Amino acid sequence: MRTKQVVSMEMTDDVGDGRMMRALTEGAEGRVKAGRLLADGAYDPGENFGFPAERGMEPVMSVRRNS
């Protein structure tokens, strides 16, 4: 959060945010070294909690009330 730079972006049609986490994270790798992955509740599907740890990042995500 020091630079507030956009490090990855994907334009999609009718694809939920949660399904894009891998692509967005992989798109940022090589550009930045991140210790944490910050995400809102749209990224809370269960598989997304383990993915950042596999990449050496701490997942910091909101969880939706109905999840």
Protein backbone atom coordinates (compact mmCIF):
# COMPACT_ATOMS: atom_id res chain seq x y z
CA MET A 1 0.00 0.00 0.00
CA ARG A 2 2.99 2.30 -0.02
CA THR A 3 2.76 3.21 -3.68
CA LYS A 4 -0.97 2.69 -4.33
CA GLN A 5 -0.09 1.50 -7.83
CA VAL A 6 -2.29 -0.81 -9.86
CA VAL A 7 -0.11 -3.90 -10.35
CA SER A 8 -2.52 -6.11 -12.30
CA MET A 9 -5.74 -5.62 -14.23
CA GLU A 10 -8.00 -7.78 -16.40
CA MET A 11 -11.05 -6.68 -18.37
CA THR A 12 -13.75 -9.37 -18.45
CA ASP A 13 -17.34 -9.98 -19.43
CA ASP A 14 -19.61 -11.77 -16.96
CA VAL A 15 -16.82 -13.32 -14.87
CA GLY A 16 -17.04 -13.07 -11.10
CA ASP A 17 -14.17 -11.34 -9.31
CA GLY A 18 -13.39 -14.43 -7.24
CA ARG A 19 -12.63 -16.45 -10.35
CA MET A 20 -10.04 -13.87 -11.46
CA MET A 21 -7.81 -13.90 -8.38
CA ARG A 22 -5.25 -16.35 -9.80
CA ALA A 23 -4.94 -14.46 -13.09
CA LEU A 24 -4.63 -11.11 -11.33
CA THR A 25 -2.04 -12.39 -8.86
CA GLU A 26 -0.02 -14.13 -11.55
CA GLY A 27 -0.18 -10.94 -13.63
CA ALA A 28 1.41 -8.99 -10.77
CA GLU A 29 4.20 -11.49 -10.13
CA GLY A 30 7.43 -10.33 -11.66
CA ARG A 31 6.38 -6.69 -11.32
CA VAL A 32 6.16 -6.47 -7.55
CA LYS A 33 7.05 -8.50 -4.48
CA ALA A 34 4.00 -8.65 -2.25
CA GLY A 35 3.87 -9.94 1.31
CA ARG A 36 0.09 -9.58 1.52
CA LEU A 37 -2.78 -9.98 -0.86
CA LEU A 38 -5.58 -7.54 -0.01
CA ALA A 39 -9.04 -8.33 -1.38
CA ASP A 40 -12.66 -7.46 -0.72
CA GLY A 41 -15.53 -9.90 -0.16
CA ALA A 42 -15.96 -10.60 -3.87
CA TYR A 43 -12.76 -12.68 -3.69
CA ASP A 44 -13.82 -14.87 -0.73
CA PRO A 45 -14.48 -18.27 -2.38
CA GLY A 46 -12.67 -20.90 -0.30
CA GLU A 47 -9.98 -21.77 -2.85
CA ASN A 48 -8.81 -18.14 -2.85
CA PHE A 49 -7.75 -18.31 0.81
CA GLY A 50 -5.10 -20.97 0.16
CA PHE A 51 -3.79 -19.58 -3.11
CA PRO A 52 -1.93 -16.52 -1.67
CA ALA A 53 -0.16 -18.72 0.90
CA GLU A 54 1.06 -20.97 -1.92
CA ARG A 55 2.71 -17.84 -3.35
CA GLY A 56 4.23 -16.78 -0.01
CA MET A 57 1.65 -14.05 0.66
CA GLU A 58 -0.62 -13.48 3.63
CA PRO A 59 -4.28 -13.36 2.49
CA VAL A 60 -6.13 -10.37 3.93
CA MET A 61 -9.72 -10.70 2.72
CA SER A 62 -13.14 -9.61 3.83
CA VAL A 63 -15.70 -12.39 4.07
CA ARG A 64 -19.24 -11.84 2.84
CA ARG A 65 -22.00 -12.20 5.39
CA ASN A 66 -23.76 -14.92 3.42
CA SER A 67 -20.68 -17.06 2.73
